[in-house]
Amino acid sequence: MKELSEFLTLENLKSYGIVDMGLTTAPVPHTLSHYNDWVAQGKHGPLSYLEGDRQDKRQDLRHYFSEFKSSLVFLFSYADTKYALDEFYKSEESNGHKIAGYVLGFNGIDYHFEVKSRLEEIKAKLISLDPELPELKVELSLDIQPVLERDLALRAGLGWFGKNSMLINKREGSFLILGSLLLSKDYSHIVSEKKMETDHCGQCTRCIDACPTMAIEPESRSLIANKCISTFTIELFKEASAPAQMESAHGEIFGCDICQDVCPWNKRIFRKMIEVKSDLLQSPKNKFIIDFFLNRSVDEIISELNSLSNRAYQKLFFGTPLQRTGRVGLLKNLMFWKNLK
């Protein structure tokens, strides 16, 4: 058991890109009623995967993993890459358009693949180190599973929900990807449960004030999906109407970081980043994405996308976050900005 305890330390897990970790034994989400009300009021908009059978499973972790006893929750940060990307936007190379920081945060690889791979490694190590019978069973959880992953991190004491609904970690901010391992054993004797973090937003309303489409509902700290630029640019794959007042945004063509960019907790982290790590943008996939979408004219990008078939686009961007929205979806986003000129 000593080996297992030594393995499950933050210092050791940093080699997997983990910046914070916690554990919870609570199977029921702390904010469950808030989630159910949000869906009942239709504020999830076109995000149908948040309703129906998958909503039912989100009511209790045991509905998804019946043998649940505890969960290890990990935070993976892409703040350094986001900082480098923001510096790129200030350069003459930038065409003025923006993508969500997480697109490049894992070397241009879709974080679902990258984080899943790291979780699989940790899972295998846990099973090999756990000496007690019955054998440990482990289920992976990312944001594609029917689990309220931000609430899981909340219960594990890893942060609080900002007014923009993002999980904010006091030390690491909100440019984070969450990944968890659901365990068939209670590991609270190995990893101590933390107290739930208190709210540190205070009277700040910067995220609310900055959102150009007024997608943030202040009272409930939730997003109205139909008004959210990320929903429009990522989740709507075909022609669709842009949220009202999107024209006053900052040229977003895939995702949106505006409400996180203005957050004092993120600005605090960026102030500590003295050196610009531009090499973080130089991986083959990152460089390809930047060259394709961020440092040439919109007309050139649209022309090339029009010359591609849907299949060719999928092949070109396979394994990247941009594969999800597809060629037609990206054209929709680019045409929105082109038509404003």
C-alpha atoms as a PDB file:
ATOM      1  CA  MET A   1       0.000   0.000   0.000  1.00  0.00           C
ATOM      2  CA  LYS A   2       2.997   2.284   0.548  1.00  0.00           C
ATOM      3  CA  GLU A   3       3.848   2.179  -3.166  1.00  0.00           C
ATOM      4  CA  LEU A   4       0.277   3.113  -4.023  1.00  0.00           C
ATOM      5  CA  SER A   5       0.316   6.037  -1.578  1.00  0.00           C
ATOM      6  CA  GLU A   6       3.599   7.289  -3.010  1.00  0.00           C
ATOM      7  CA  PHE A   7       2.282   7.006  -6.554  1.00  0.00           C
ATOM      8  CA  LEU A   8      -0.879   9.001  -5.787  1.00  0.00           C
ATOM      9  CA  THR A   9       0.867  12.232  -4.866  1.00  0.00           C
ATOM     10  CA  LEU A  10       0.638  15.438  -6.865  1.00  0.00           C
ATOM     11  CA  GLU A  11       4.405  15.666  -7.089  1.00  0.00           C
ATOM     12  CA  ASN A  12       4.579  12.241  -8.709  1.00  0.00           C
ATOM     13  CA  LEU A  13       1.588  12.765 -11.002  1.00  0.00           C
ATOM     14  CA  LYS A  14       2.993  15.990 -12.441  1.00  0.00           C
ATOM     15  CA  SER A  15       4.809  13.796 -14.962  1.00  0.00           C
ATOM     16  CA  TYR A  16       1.361  13.118 -16.497  1.00  0.00           C
ATOM     17  CA  GLY A  17       0.705  16.847 -16.900  1.00  0.00           C
ATOM     18  CA  ILE A  18      -1.490  17.002 -13.795  1.00  0.00           C
ATOM     19  CA  VAL A  19      -1.438  20.314 -11.906  1.00  0.00           C
ATOM     20  CA  ASP A  20      -3.840  19.430  -9.092  1.00  0.00           C
ATOM     21  CA  MET A  21      -5.766  16.411  -7.874  1.00  0.00           C
ATOM     22  CA  GLY A  22      -8.394  15.479  -5.348  1.00  0.00           C
ATOM     23  CA  LEU A  23     -10.724  12.709  -4.279  1.00  0.00           C
ATOM     24  CA  THR A  24     -14.413  12.449  -3.527  1.00  0.00           C
ATOM     25  CA  THR A  25     -16.569   9.635  -2.205  1.00  0.00           C
ATOM     26  CA  ALA A  26     -19.831  11.486  -2.911  1.00  0.00           C
ATOM     27  CA  PRO A  27     -21.790   9.850  -5.765  1.00  0.00           C
ATOM     28  CA  VAL A  28     -24.482  12.529  -6.126  1.00  0.00           C
ATOM     29  CA  PRO A  29     -23.596  15.900  -7.710  1.00  0.00           C
ATOM     30  CA  HIS A  30     -23.666  18.854  -5.332  1.00  0.00           C
ATOM     31  CA  THR A  31     -25.299  21.061  -7.998  1.00  0.00           C
ATOM     32  CA  LEU A  32     -27.703  18.412  -9.315  1.00  0.00           C
ATOM     33  CA  SER A  33     -30.900  20.426  -8.861  1.00  0.00           C
ATOM     34  CA  HIS A  34     -29.292  23.382 -10.628  1.00  0.00           C
ATOM     35  CA  TYR A  35     -28.394  21.151 -13.608  1.00  0.00           C
ATOM     36  CA  ASN A  36     -31.875  19.619 -13.788  1.00  0.00           C
ATOM     37  CA  ASP A  37     -33.525  23.055 -13.650  1.00  0.00           C
ATOM     38  CA  TRP A  38     -31.166  24.340 -16.351  1.00  0.00           C
ATOM     39  CA  VAL A  39     -32.148  21.514 -18.706  1.00  0.00           C
ATOM     40  CA  ALA A  40     -35.853  21.743 -17.808  1.00  0.00           C
ATOM     41  CA  GLN A  41     -35.802  25.437 -18.744  1.00  0.00           C
ATOM     42  CA  GLY A  42     -34.216  24.625 -22.098  1.00  0.00           C
ATOM     43  CA  LYS A  43     -31.082  26.635 -21.405  1.00  0.00           C
ATOM     44  CA  HIS A  44     -28.943  23.820 -22.808  1.00  0.00           C
ATOM     45  CA  GLY A  45     -30.297  24.729 -26.256  1.00  0.00           C
ATOM     46  CA  PRO A  46     -29.056  22.380 -28.985  1.00  0.00           C
ATOM     47  CA  LEU A  47     -26.881  20.329 -26.610  1.00  0.00           C
ATOM     48  CA  SER A  48     -29.206  17.331 -26.652  1.00  0.00           C
ATOM     49  CA  TYR A  49     -26.558  15.029 -25.155  1.00  0.00           C
ATOM     50  CA  LEU A  50     -27.266  16.730 -21.810  1.00  0.00           C
ATOM     51  CA  GLU A  51     -30.849  15.478 -21.666  1.00  0.00           C
ATOM     52  CA  GLY A  52     -32.730  12.176 -21.795  1.00  0.00           C
ATOM     53  CA  ASP A  53     -30.969   8.956 -20.813  1.00  0.00           C
ATOM     54  CA  ARG A  54     -27.634  10.713 -20.379  1.00  0.00           C
ATOM     55  CA  GLN A  55     -29.250  13.208 -18.013  1.00  0.00           C
ATOM     56  CA  ASP A  56     -30.653  10.294 -15.992  1.00  0.00           C
ATOM     57  CA  LYS A  57     -27.190   8.770 -15.656  1.00  0.00           C
ATOM     58  CA  ARG A  58     -25.764  12.083 -14.467  1.00  0.00           C
ATOM     59  CA  GLN A  59     -28.034  12.025 -11.401  1.00  0.00           C
ATOM     60  CA  ASP A  60     -25.709   9.645  -9.551  1.00  0.00           C
ATOM     61  CA  LEU A  61     -22.286   8.229 -10.447  1.00  0.00           C
ATOM     62  CA  ARG A  62     -23.621   4.755  -9.610  1.00  0.00           C
ATOM     63  CA  HIS A  63     -26.030   5.040 -12.538  1.00  0.00           C
ATOM     64  CA  TYR A  64     -22.981   5.104 -14.813  1.00  0.00           C
ATOM     65  CA  PHE A  65     -20.551   2.963 -12.785  1.00  0.00           C
ATOM     66  CA  SER A  66     -22.547   0.798 -10.387  1.00  0.00           C
ATOM     67  CA  GLU A  67     -19.517  -0.201  -8.302  1.00  0.00           C
ATOM     68  CA  PHE A  68     -18.508   3.385  -7.521  1.00  0.00           C
ATOM     69  CA  LYS A  69     -16.920   3.976  -4.119  1.00  0.00           C
ATOM     70  CA  SER A  70     -14.628   6.948  -4.793  1.00  0.00           C
ATOM     71  CA  SER A  71     -13.195   9.039  -7.598  1.00  0.00           C
ATOM     72  CA  LEU A  72      -9.766  10.491  -8.220  1.00  0.00           C
ATOM     73  CA  VAL A  73     -10.135  13.799 -10.046  1.00  0.00           C
ATOM     74  CA  PHE A  74      -7.265  15.378 -11.971  1.00  0.00           C
ATOM     75  CA  LEU A  75      -6.724  18.825 -13.461  1.00  0.00           C
ATOM     76  CA  PHE A  76      -4.692  19.189 -16.665  1.00  0.00           C
ATOM     77  CA  SER A  77      -3.703  22.778 -17.464  1.00  0.00           C
ATOM     78  CA  TYR A  78      -3.133  24.345 -20.879  1.00  0.00           C
ATOM     79  CA  ALA A  79      -2.602  27.857 -19.487  1.00  0.00           C
ATOM     80  CA  ASP A  80       0.988  28.093 -20.749  1.00  0.00           C
ATOM     81  CA  THR A  81      -0.068  27.344 -24.328  1.00  0.00           C
ATOM     82  CA  LYS A  82      -2.985  29.753 -24.025  1.00  0.00           C
ATOM     83  CA  TYR A  83      -0.541  32.451 -22.896  1.00  0.00           C
ATOM     84  CA  ALA A  84       1.713  31.770 -25.895  1.00  0.00           C
ATOM     85  CA  LEU A  85      -1.323  31.879 -28.204  1.00  0.00           C
ATOM     86  CA  ASP A  86      -2.391  35.251 -26.785  1.00  0.00           C
ATOM     87  CA  GLU A  87       1.098  36.580 -27.506  1.00  0.00           C
ATOM     88  CA  PHE A  88       0.768  35.295 -31.089  1.00  0.00           C
ATOM     89  CA  TYR A  89      -2.522  37.192 -31.455  1.00  0.00           C
ATOM     90  CA  LYS A  90      -0.624  40.414 -30.684  1.00  0.00           C
ATOM     91  CA  SER A  91       1.885  39.758 -33.472  1.00  0.00           C
ATOM     92  CA  GLU A  92       1.738  40.895 -37.094  1.00  0.00           C
ATOM     93  CA  GLU A  93       1.378  37.259 -38.173  1.00  0.00           C
ATOM     94  CA  SER A  94      -2.137  37.039 -36.709  1.00  0.00           C
ATOM     95  CA  ASN A  95      -5.063  37.551 -39.099  1.00  0.00           C
ATOM     96  CA  GLY A  96      -7.253  38.775 -36.235  1.00  0.00           C
ATOM     97  CA  HIS A  97      -9.230  35.561 -35.788  1.00  0.00           C
ATOM     98  CA  LYS A  98      -9.201  33.392 -32.695  1.00  0.00           C
ATOM     99  CA  ILE A  99      -9.664  29.803 -31.604  1.00  0.00           C
ATOM    100  CA  ALA A 100     -10.174  28.392 -28.119  1.00  0.00           C
ATOM    101  CA  GLY A 101      -6.887  27.906 -26.291  1.00  0.00           C
ATOM    102  CA  TYR A 102      -7.514  24.221 -25.633  1.00  0.00           C
ATOM    103  CA  VAL A 103      -7.283  23.511 -29.377  1.00  0.00           C
ATOM    104  CA  LEU A 104      -3.506  23.916 -29.165  1.00  0.00           C
ATOM    105  CA  GLY A 105      -3.198  23.031 -25.479  1.00  0.00           C
ATOM    106  CA  PHE A 106      -2.217  19.423 -26.087  1.00  0.00           C
ATOM    107  CA  ASN A 107       0.025  19.924 -29.119  1.00  0.00           C
ATOM    108  CA  GLY A 108      -2.972  20.222 -31.411  1.00  0.00           C
ATOM    109  CA  ILE A 109      -4.240  16.769 -30.458  1.00  0.00           C
ATOM    110  CA  ASP A 110      -7.862  16.488 -29.361  1.00  0.00           C
ATOM    111  CA  TYR A 111      -7.614  16.545 -25.574  1.00  0.00           C
ATOM    112  CA  HIS A 112     -10.054  13.626 -25.360  1.00  0.00           C
ATOM    113  CA  PHE A 113      -7.406  11.376 -26.906  1.00  0.00           C
ATOM    114  CA  GLU A 114      -4.479  12.863 -25.015  1.00  0.00           C
ATOM    115  CA  VAL A 115      -6.051  12.972 -21.549  1.00  0.00           C
ATOM    116  CA  LYS A 116      -7.647   9.556 -22.034  1.00  0.00           C
ATOM    117  CA  SER A 117      -4.215   8.111 -22.815  1.00  0.00           C
ATOM    118  CA  ARG A 118      -2.772   9.597 -19.616  1.00  0.00           C
ATOM    119  CA  LEU A 119      -5.711   8.359 -17.547  1.00  0.00           C
ATOM    120  CA  GLU A 120      -5.271   4.877 -19.012  1.00  0.00           C
ATOM    121  CA  GLU A 121      -1.638   4.893 -17.887  1.00  0.00           C
ATOM    122  CA  ILE A 122      -2.595   5.937 -14.360  1.00  0.00           C
ATOM    123  CA  LYS A 123      -5.376   3.340 -14.303  1.00  0.00           C
ATOM    124  CA  ALA A 124      -2.978   0.542 -15.280  1.00  0.00           C
ATOM    125  CA  LYS A 125      -0.522   1.655 -12.606  1.00  0.00           C
ATOM    126  CA  LEU A 126      -3.224   1.741  -9.920  1.00  0.00           C
ATOM    127  CA  ILE A 127      -4.406  -1.760 -10.741  1.00  0.00           C
ATOM    128  CA  SER A 128      -0.830  -3.067 -10.667  1.00  0.00           C
ATOM    129  CA  LEU A 129      -0.098  -1.412  -7.297  1.00  0.00           C
ATOM    130  CA  ASP A 130      -3.355  -2.200  -5.474  1.00  0.00           C
ATOM    131  CA  PRO A 131      -2.568  -5.327  -3.416  1.00  0.00           C
ATOM    132  CA  GLU A 132      -5.989  -5.951  -1.921  1.00  0.00           C
ATOM    133  CA  LEU A 133      -8.732  -8.251  -3.134  1.00  0.00           C
ATOM    134  CA  PRO A 134     -11.185  -7.981  -4.727  1.00  0.00           C
ATOM    135  CA  GLU A 135      -9.398  -6.595  -7.730  1.00  0.00           C
ATOM    136  CA  LEU A 136      -9.760  -2.862  -8.225  1.00  0.00           C
ATOM    137  CA  LYS A 137     -12.118  -1.840 -11.023  1.00  0.00           C
ATOM    138  CA  VAL A 138     -11.631   1.542 -12.650  1.00  0.00           C
ATOM    139  CA  GLU A 139     -13.791   3.528 -15.074  1.00  0.00           C
ATOM    140  CA  LEU A 140     -12.469   6.555 -16.951  1.00  0.00           C
ATOM    141  CA  SER A 141     -14.417   9.790 -16.965  1.00  0.00           C
ATOM    142  CA  LEU A 142     -13.956  12.741 -19.316  1.00  0.00           C
ATOM    143  CA  ASP A 143     -16.526  15.211 -20.581  1.00  0.00           C
ATOM    144  CA  ILE A 144     -17.854  12.645 -23.054  1.00  0.00           C
ATOM    145  CA  GLN A 145     -19.153  10.347 -20.303  1.00  0.00           C
ATOM    146  CA  PRO A 146     -22.561  10.989 -18.657  1.00  0.00           C
ATOM    147  CA  VAL A 147     -20.907  12.533 -15.603  1.00  0.00           C
ATOM    148  CA  LEU A 148     -21.093  16.120 -14.329  1.00  0.00           C
ATOM    149  CA  GLU A 149     -17.320  16.418 -14.396  1.00  0.00           C
ATOM    150  CA  ARG A 150     -17.060  20.000 -13.133  1.00  0.00           C
ATOM    151  CA  ASP A 151     -19.233  19.088 -10.159  1.00  0.00           C
ATOM    152  CA  LEU A 152     -17.011  16.066  -9.564  1.00  0.00           C
ATOM    153  CA  ALA A 153     -14.034  18.420  -9.321  1.00  0.00           C
ATOM    154  CA  LEU A 154     -16.065  20.707  -7.057  1.00  0.00           C
ATOM    155  CA  ARG A 155     -16.776  17.793  -4.698  1.00  0.00           C
ATOM    156  CA  ALA A 156     -13.090  16.869  -4.770  1.00  0.00           C
ATOM    157  CA  GLY A 157     -12.182  20.334  -3.470  1.00  0.00           C
ATOM    158  CA  LEU A 158     -10.409  21.430  -6.652  1.00  0.00           C
ATOM    159  CA  GLY A 159     -12.163  24.735  -7.207  1.00  0.00           C
ATOM    160  CA  TRP A 160     -15.418  26.652  -7.316  1.00  0.00           C
ATOM    161  CA  PHE A 161     -17.811  27.585 -10.098  1.00  0.00           C
ATOM    162  CA  GLY A 162     -17.162  31.071 -11.423  1.00  0.00           C
ATOM    163  CA  LYS A 163     -20.009  33.295 -12.534  1.00  0.00           C
ATOM    164  CA  ASN A 164     -19.252  32.077 -16.066  1.00  0.00           C
ATOM    165  CA  SER A 165     -19.930  28.492 -14.814  1.00  0.00           C
ATOM    166  CA  MET A 166     -16.288  27.470 -15.311  1.00  0.00           C
ATOM    167  CA  LEU A 167     -14.420  25.592 -12.591  1.00  0.00           C
ATOM    168  CA  ILE A 168     -11.798  27.964 -11.186  1.00  0.00           C
ATOM    169  CA  ASN A 169      -8.827  26.623  -9.261  1.00  0.00           C
ATOM    170  CA  LYS A 170      -7.222  29.132  -6.901  1.00  0.00           C
ATOM    171  CA  ARG A 171      -3.702  28.261  -8.030  1.00  0.00           C
ATOM    172  CA  GLU A 172      -4.272  27.242 -11.664  1.00  0.00           C
ATOM    173  CA  GLY A 173      -7.173  29.388 -12.881  1.00  0.00           C
ATOM    174  CA  SER A 174      -9.724  27.951 -15.319  1.00  0.00           C
ATOM    175  CA  PHE A 175      -7.781  27.014 -18.457  1.00  0.00           C
ATOM    176  CA  LEU A 176      -8.122  23.390 -17.441  1.00  0.00           C
ATOM    177  CA  ILE A 177      -9.256  20.022 -18.718  1.00  0.00           C
ATOM    178  CA  LEU A 178     -10.760  17.653 -16.161  1.00  0.00           C
ATOM    179  CA  GLY A 179     -10.229  13.915 -16.099  1.00  0.00           C
ATOM    180  CA  SER A 180     -11.274  11.368 -13.486  1.00  0.00           C
ATOM    181  CA  LEU A 181     -10.956   7.746 -12.497  1.00  0.00           C
ATOM    182  CA  LEU A 182     -14.038   6.212 -10.890  1.00  0.00           C
ATOM    183  CA  LEU A 183     -12.959   3.483  -8.481  1.00  0.00           C
ATOM    184  CA  SER A 184     -14.669   0.401  -7.056  1.00  0.00           C
ATOM    185  CA  LYS A 185     -12.847   1.010  -3.754  1.00  0.00           C
ATOM    186  CA  ASP A 186     -12.806   3.837  -1.259  1.00  0.00           C
ATOM    187  CA  TYR A 187      -9.362   5.443  -1.577  1.00  0.00           C
ATOM    188  CA  SER A 188      -9.955   8.159   1.028  1.00  0.00           C
ATOM    189  CA  HIS A 189      -7.438   6.439   3.327  1.00  0.00           C
ATOM    190  CA  ILE A 190      -4.811   6.955   0.609  1.00  0.00           C
ATOM    191  CA  VAL A 191      -5.785  10.364  -0.769  1.00  0.00           C
ATOM    192  CA  SER A 192      -7.394  12.636   1.807  1.00  0.00           C
ATOM    193  CA  GLU A 193     -10.668  14.290   0.880  1.00  0.00           C
ATOM    194  CA  LYS A 194     -10.418  18.074   0.756  1.00  0.00           C
ATOM    195  CA  LYS A 195     -13.095  20.470   1.884  1.00  0.00           C
ATOM    196  CA  MET A 196     -15.163  21.964  -0.906  1.00  0.00           C
ATOM    197  CA  GLU A 197     -13.654  25.260  -2.026  1.00  0.00           C
ATOM    198  CA  THR A 198     -15.482  28.445  -1.109  1.00  0.00           C
ATOM    199  CA  ASP A 199     -16.470  31.041  -3.693  1.00  0.00           C
ATOM    200  CA  HIS A 200     -13.699  33.531  -4.451  1.00  0.00           C
ATOM    201  CA  CYS A 201     -15.468  35.593  -7.135  1.00  0.00           C
ATOM    202  CA  GLY A 202     -16.871  38.104  -4.664  1.00  0.00           C
ATOM    203  CA  GLN A 203     -18.466  41.114  -6.339  1.00  0.00           C
ATOM    204  CA  CYS A 204     -16.501  40.677  -9.580  1.00  0.00           C
ATOM    205  CA  THR A 205     -18.636  40.668 -12.745  1.00  0.00           C
ATOM    206  CA  ARG A 206     -15.908  40.896 -15.380  1.00  0.00           C
ATOM    207  CA  CYS A 207     -16.903  37.698 -17.176  1.00  0.00           C
ATOM    208  CA  ILE A 208     -20.555  38.759 -17.277  1.00  0.00           C
ATOM    209  CA  ASP A 209     -19.704  42.248 -18.512  1.00  0.00           C
ATOM    210  CA  ALA A 210     -17.251  40.978 -21.144  1.00  0.00           C
ATOM    211  CA  CYS A 211     -19.543  38.435 -22.836  1.00  0.00           C
ATOM    212  CA  PRO A 212     -20.637  40.173 -26.073  1.00  0.00           C
ATOM    213  CA  THR A 213     -23.719  37.987 -26.526  1.00  0.00           C
ATOM    214  CA  MET A 214     -24.894  38.165 -22.900  1.00  0.00           C
ATOM    215  CA  ALA A 215     -24.798  34.373 -22.603  1.00  0.00           C
ATOM    216  CA  ILE A 216     -24.005  34.369 -18.875  1.00  0.00           C
ATOM    217  CA  GLU A 217     -26.921  34.373 -16.466  1.00  0.00           C
ATOM    218  CA  PRO A 218     -25.593  36.089 -13.304  1.00  0.00           C
ATOM    219  CA  GLU A 219     -28.129  34.797 -10.776  1.00  0.00           C
ATOM    220  CA  SER A 220     -27.700  31.112 -11.596  1.00  0.00           C
ATOM    221  CA  ARG A 221     -24.051  31.250 -12.728  1.00  0.00           C
ATOM    222  CA  SER A 222     -24.959  29.359 -15.869  1.00  0.00           C
ATOM    223  CA  LEU A 223     -24.723  29.748 -19.612  1.00  0.00           C
ATOM    224  CA  ILE A 224     -27.595  30.111 -22.004  1.00  0.00           C
ATOM    225  CA  ALA A 225     -26.250  27.792 -24.690  1.00  0.00           C
ATOM    226  CA  ASN A 226     -28.105  29.397 -27.613  1.00  0.00           C
ATOM    227  CA  LYS A 227     -26.383  32.698 -26.844  1.00  0.00           C
ATOM    228  CA  CYS A 228     -22.914  31.221 -26.332  1.00  0.00           C
ATOM    229  CA  ILE A 229     -20.297  31.795 -29.041  1.00  0.00           C
ATOM    230  CA  SER A 230     -18.691  28.423 -28.264  1.00  0.00           C
ATOM    231  CA  THR A 231     -21.996  26.664 -28.928  1.00  0.00           C
ATOM    232  CA  PHE A 232     -22.416  28.460 -32.258  1.00  0.00           C
ATOM    233  CA  THR A 233     -18.845  27.931 -33.466  1.00  0.00           C
ATOM    234  CA  ILE A 234     -18.306  24.354 -32.231  1.00  0.00           C
ATOM    235  CA  GLU A 235     -21.619  22.554 -31.775  1.00  0.00           C
ATOM    236  CA  LEU A 236     -23.581  23.788 -34.795  1.00  0.00           C
ATOM    237  CA  PHE A 237     -22.183  21.939 -37.784  1.00  0.00           C
ATOM    238  CA  LYS A 238     -24.413  23.475 -40.474  1.00  0.00           C
ATOM    239  CA  GLU A 239     -25.839  26.852 -41.396  1.00  0.00           C
ATOM    240  CA  ALA A 240     -27.300  28.584 -38.358  1.00  0.00           C
ATOM    241  CA  SER A 241     -28.003  32.066 -37.066  1.00  0.00           C
ATOM    242  CA  ALA A 242     -25.255  33.563 -34.937  1.00  0.00           C
ATOM    243  CA  PRO A 243     -26.099  34.786 -31.427  1.00  0.00           C
ATOM    244  CA  ALA A 244     -27.228  38.407 -31.304  1.00  0.00           C
ATOM    245  CA  GLN A 245     -24.339  40.867 -30.930  1.00  0.00           C
ATOM    246  CA  MET A 246     -21.678  38.318 -31.862  1.00  0.00           C
ATOM    247  CA  GLU A 247     -20.341  40.951 -34.255  1.00  0.00           C
ATOM    248  CA  SER A 248     -18.879  42.755 -31.233  1.00  0.00           C
ATOM    249  CA  ALA A 249     -16.799  39.697 -30.290  1.00  0.00           C
ATOM    250  CA  HIS A 250     -13.128  39.266 -31.177  1.00  0.00           C
ATOM    251  CA  GLY A 251     -13.126  37.233 -34.387  1.00  0.00           C
ATOM    252  CA  GLU A 252     -13.767  33.826 -32.827  1.00  0.00           C
ATOM    253  CA  ILE A 253     -13.960  31.034 -35.409  1.00  0.00           C
ATOM    254  CA  PHE A 254     -13.804  27.997 -33.096  1.00  0.00           C
ATOM    255  CA  GLY A 255     -14.715  28.286 -29.445  1.00  0.00           C
ATOM    256  CA  CYS A 256     -14.487  31.370 -27.284  1.00  0.00           C
ATOM    257  CA  ASP A 257     -12.280  32.311 -24.328  1.00  0.00           C
ATOM    258  CA  ILE A 258     -13.585  35.832 -23.692  1.00  0.00           C
ATOM    259  CA  CYS A 259     -15.144  35.145 -20.282  1.00  0.00           C
ATOM    260  CA  GLN A 260     -11.973  33.377 -19.158  1.00  0.00           C
ATOM    261  CA  ASP A 261      -9.592  35.945 -20.643  1.00  0.00           C
ATOM    262  CA  VAL A 262     -10.911  38.681 -18.357  1.00  0.00           C
ATOM    263  CA  CYS A 263     -10.981  36.566 -15.188  1.00  0.00           C
ATOM    264  CA  PRO A 264      -8.612  37.958 -12.530  1.00  0.00           C
ATOM    265  CA  TRP A 265      -7.655  34.433 -11.502  1.00  0.00           C
ATOM    266  CA  ASN A 266      -6.349  33.729 -15.004  1.00  0.00           C
ATOM    267  CA  LYS A 267      -4.680  37.130 -15.294  1.00  0.00           C
ATOM    268  CA  ARG A 268      -2.907  36.375 -12.025  1.00  0.00           C
ATOM    269  CA  ILE A 269      -1.430  33.206 -13.516  1.00  0.00           C
ATOM    270  CA  PHE A 270      -0.363  34.934 -16.724  1.00  0.00           C
ATOM    271  CA  ARG A 271       1.458  37.635 -14.772  1.00  0.00           C
ATOM    272  CA  LYS A 272       3.744  34.892 -13.467  1.00  0.00           C
ATOM    273  CA  MET A 273       4.600  33.705 -16.987  1.00  0.00           C
ATOM    274  CA  ILE A 274       7.638  35.890 -17.593  1.00  0.00           C
ATOM    275  CA  GLU A 275       8.970  34.099 -20.660  1.00  0.00           C
ATOM    276  CA  VAL A 276       6.790  33.543 -23.697  1.00  0.00           C
ATOM    277  CA  LYS A 277       6.981  29.855 -24.508  1.00  0.00           C
ATOM    278  CA  SER A 278       6.468  30.249 -28.246  1.00  0.00           C
ATOM    279  CA  ASP A 279       7.861  26.744 -28.795  1.00  0.00           C
ATOM    280  CA  LEU A 280       4.565  25.445 -27.370  1.00  0.00           C
ATOM    281  CA  LEU A 281       2.980  26.494 -30.664  1.00  0.00           C
ATOM    282  CA  GLN A 282       5.566  24.725 -32.801  1.00  0.00           C
ATOM    283  CA  SER A 283       4.405  21.104 -32.637  1.00  0.00           C
ATOM    284  CA  PRO A 284       3.483  19.849 -36.141  1.00  0.00           C
ATOM    285  CA  LYS A 285      -0.287  19.922 -35.519  1.00  0.00           C
ATOM    286  CA  ASN A 286      -0.217  23.282 -33.728  1.00  0.00           C
ATOM    287  CA  LYS A 287       1.835  24.842 -36.494  1.00  0.00           C
ATOM    288  CA  PHE A 288      -0.478  23.400 -39.142  1.00  0.00           C
ATOM    289  CA  ILE A 289      -3.608  24.740 -37.399  1.00  0.00           C
ATOM    290  CA  ILE A 290      -2.070  28.195 -36.958  1.00  0.00           C
ATOM    291  CA  ASP A 291      -0.861  28.316 -40.562  1.00  0.00           C
ATOM    292  CA  PHE A 292      -4.245  27.177 -41.871  1.00  0.00           C
ATOM    293  CA  PHE A 293      -6.579  29.360 -39.786  1.00  0.00           C
ATOM    294  CA  LEU A 294      -4.717  32.136 -37.990  1.00  0.00           C
ATOM    295  CA  ASN A 295      -2.076  33.759 -40.175  1.00  0.00           C
ATOM    296  CA  ARG A 296      -3.570  34.168 -43.624  1.00  0.00           C
ATOM    297  CA  SER A 297      -6.566  36.017 -44.990  1.00  0.00           C
ATOM    298  CA  VAL A 298     -10.117  34.812 -44.477  1.00  0.00           C
ATOM    299  CA  ASP A 299     -10.596  34.728 -48.253  1.00  0.00           C
ATOM    300  CA  GLU A 300      -7.681  32.307 -48.607  1.00  0.00           C
ATOM    301  CA  ILE A 301      -9.015  30.073 -45.849  1.00  0.00           C
ATOM    302  CA  ILE A 302     -12.532  30.027 -47.296  1.00  0.00           C
ATOM    303  CA  SER A 303     -11.175  29.292 -50.759  1.00  0.00           C
ATOM    304  CA  GLU A 304      -9.202  26.300 -49.505  1.00  0.00           C
ATOM    305  CA  LEU A 305     -12.099  24.968 -47.446  1.00  0.00           C
ATOM    306  CA  ASN A 306     -14.354  25.230 -50.500  1.00  0.00           C
ATOM    307  CA  SER A 307     -11.823  23.248 -52.510  1.00  0.00           C
ATOM    308  CA  LEU A 308     -11.918  20.389 -49.998  1.00  0.00           C
ATOM    309  CA  SER A 309     -14.529  17.671 -49.746  1.00  0.00           C
ATOM    310  CA  ASN A 310     -15.966  16.949 -46.306  1.00  0.00           C
ATOM    311  CA  ARG A 311     -13.993  13.713 -46.255  1.00  0.00           C
ATOM    312  CA  ALA A 312     -10.765  15.476 -47.191  1.00  0.00           C
ATOM    313  CA  TYR A 313     -11.309  18.004 -44.406  1.00  0.00           C
ATOM    314  CA  GLN A 314     -11.873  15.224 -41.874  1.00  0.00           C
ATOM    315  CA  LYS A 315      -8.689  13.516 -43.002  1.00  0.00           C
ATOM    316  CA  LEU A 316      -6.707  16.759 -42.849  1.00  0.00           C
ATOM    317  CA  PHE A 317      -7.819  17.592 -39.298  1.00  0.00           C
ATOM    318  CA  PHE A 318      -8.128  14.046 -37.983  1.00  0.00           C
ATOM    319  CA  GLY A 319      -7.270  13.799 -34.302  1.00  0.00           C
ATOM    320  CA  THR A 320      -7.566  17.553 -33.687  1.00  0.00           C
ATOM    321  CA  PRO A 321     -10.450  19.392 -31.967  1.00  0.00           C
ATOM    322  CA  LEU A 322     -11.261  21.033 -35.320  1.00  0.00           C
ATOM    323  CA  GLN A 323     -12.376  17.687 -36.725  1.00  0.00           C
ATOM    324  CA  ARG A 324     -15.551  17.920 -34.622  1.00  0.00           C
ATOM    325  CA  THR A 325     -17.164  20.943 -36.256  1.00  0.00           C
ATOM    326  CA  GLY A 326     -16.299  19.874 -39.769  1.00  0.00           C
ATOM    327  CA  ARG A 327     -15.697  21.790 -42.983  1.00  0.00           C
ATOM    328  CA  VAL A 328     -19.226  23.202 -43.282  1.00  0.00           C
ATOM    329  CA  GLY A 329     -19.245  24.317 -39.655  1.00  0.00           C
ATOM    330  CA  LEU A 330     -15.939  26.171 -40.011  1.00  0.00           C
ATOM    331  CA  LEU A 331     -17.137  27.786 -43.245  1.00  0.00           C
ATOM    332  CA  LYS A 332     -20.246  28.980 -41.389  1.00  0.00           C
ATOM    333  CA  ASN A 333     -18.061  30.620 -38.745  1.00  0.00           C
ATOM    334  CA  LEU A 334     -15.687  32.236 -41.221  1.00  0.00           C
ATOM    335  CA  MET A 335     -18.495  33.503 -43.438  1.00  0.00           C
ATOM    336  CA  PHE A 336     -20.064  35.234 -40.448  1.00  0.00           C
ATOM    337  CA  TRP A 337     -16.977  37.430 -40.085  1.00  0.00           C
ATOM    338  CA  LYS A 338     -16.439  37.856 -43.820  1.00  0.00           C
ATOM    339  CA  ASN A 339     -20.006  39.095 -44.313  1.00  0.00           C
ATOM    340  CA  LEU A 340     -19.499  41.813 -41.698  1.00  0.00           C
ATOM    341  CA  LYS A 341     -16.832  43.486 -43.817  1.00  0.00           C
END
